[in-house]
Protein backbone atom coordinates (compact mmCIF):
# COMPACT_ATOMS: atom_id res chain seq x y z
CA MET A 1 -2.88 -0.61 -9.64
CA SER A 2 0.35 0.16 -11.42
CA VAL A 3 0.90 3.36 -9.40
CA LEU A 4 0.59 1.39 -6.17
CA ARG A 5 3.05 -1.19 -7.53
CA LEU A 6 0.49 -3.96 -7.37
CA LEU A 7 1.28 -5.07 -10.92
CA PRO A 8 4.58 -6.37 -12.30
CA GLU A 9 6.82 -3.62 -13.62
CA ALA A 10 6.61 -3.36 -17.39
CA ILE A 11 7.25 0.32 -18.16
CA ALA A 12 10.81 0.97 -19.30
CA GLU A 13 10.84 4.67 -18.45
CA GLY A 14 8.70 7.49 -17.11
CA LYS A 15 7.80 9.24 -13.90
CA ILE A 16 4.70 9.54 -11.76
CA TYR A 17 4.69 12.32 -9.19
CA TRP A 18 2.49 12.64 -6.13
CA ASN A 19 3.16 15.49 -3.66
CA ASN A 20 6.64 16.00 -5.19
CA PHE A 21 7.53 12.31 -4.74
CA ASP A 22 8.53 10.28 -7.77
CA LEU A 23 6.46 7.16 -7.06
CA LEU A 24 8.50 5.08 -9.48
CA SER A 25 11.84 6.02 -7.93
CA LYS A 26 13.64 3.17 -6.19
CA ASP A 27 14.34 5.60 -3.31
CA THR A 28 10.64 6.17 -2.60
CA ASP A 29 9.35 4.01 0.23
CA ILE A 30 6.01 3.13 -1.33
CA ARG A 31 4.97 1.24 1.79
CA ALA A 32 4.79 4.50 3.75
CA ILE A 33 2.44 5.95 1.13
CA ARG A 34 0.35 2.94 0.12
CA GLY A 35 -2.84 2.61 2.10
CA LYS A 36 -2.48 5.78 4.15
CA LYS A 37 -1.97 8.36 1.40
CA ILE A 38 -2.89 6.54 -1.81
CA SER A 39 -5.19 3.56 -1.93
CA MET A 40 -7.46 1.74 -4.29
CA ILE A 41 -11.02 0.68 -3.71
CA PHE A 42 -11.55 -2.56 -5.60
CA GLN A 43 -15.07 -2.78 -6.95
CA GLU A 44 -16.06 -6.25 -7.89
CA PRO A 45 -19.29 -6.16 -9.91
CA MET A 46 -20.79 -8.91 -7.77
CA MET A 47 -19.55 -7.49 -4.45
CA PRO A 48 -20.41 -3.78 -4.11
CA LEU A 49 -20.53 -1.97 -0.79
CA ASN A 50 -22.52 -3.96 1.74
CA PRO A 51 -26.11 -2.64 1.76
CA VAL A 52 -26.55 -3.72 5.39
CA TYR A 53 -24.11 -1.01 6.53
CA THR A 54 -24.07 2.67 5.72
CA VAL A 55 -21.35 4.02 3.44
CA GLY A 56 -20.05 6.00 6.41
CA GLU A 57 -19.71 2.84 8.51
CA GLN A 58 -17.78 1.12 5.74
CA ILE A 59 -15.43 4.11 5.27
CA SER A 60 -14.96 4.29 9.05
CA GLU A 61 -14.04 0.59 9.12
CA ALA A 62 -11.38 1.14 6.45
CA LEU A 63 -10.00 4.10 8.41
CA ASN A 64 -9.87 1.91 11.51
CA HIS A 65 -7.49 -0.47 9.72
CA LEU A 66 -5.36 2.24 8.10
CA THR A 67 -5.08 4.92 10.78
CA ASP A 68 -4.77 5.45 14.51
CA LEU A 69 -7.81 7.75 14.59
CA ASN A 70 -10.28 7.37 17.43
CA VAL A 71 -13.97 6.71 16.71
CA GLU A 72 -15.01 10.37 16.66
CA LYS A 73 -12.23 11.36 14.24
CA ARG A 74 -13.00 8.38 11.98
CA ILE A 75 -16.66 9.44 11.82
CA LYS A 76 -15.67 13.03 11.01
CA SER A 77 -13.22 11.85 8.33
CA SER A 78 -15.79 9.55 6.74
CA ARG A 79 -18.31 12.43 6.62
CA THR A 80 -15.70 14.65 4.98
CA ALA A 81 -14.83 11.95 2.44
CA ARG A 82 -18.48 11.56 1.50
CA THR A 83 -18.99 15.28 0.94
CA ASP A 84 -15.69 16.14 -0.81
CA ARG A 85 -15.88 16.84 -4.52
CA TYR A 86 -12.83 16.22 -6.66
C-alpha cells in the first residue's frame, strides 16, 4: 500500500523503482501508474473472490474498469493473467 501511496508518508529517505521510474519522486505522476500498471488486490478474510462468478469473470470485470479493452481482449488478458507464473 505504501508503494501505491495509499498510506501516509513516513519514510524519510529511500527510493523505489519500477520500470526505471522512481515511484517516490515528486515528479512521478503516480496517478498514471496506479491501477493500470501497478495495483493491489485487497483480500478481506471474510470477503474472498465471489464463488458465484469464475475467477476469469472477476478479472475481466476489473479490466473493464481499468482499461479500454473490448470484451474479447479482456477475456484474453484474464486468461493470460491466470496462467502467468511470476
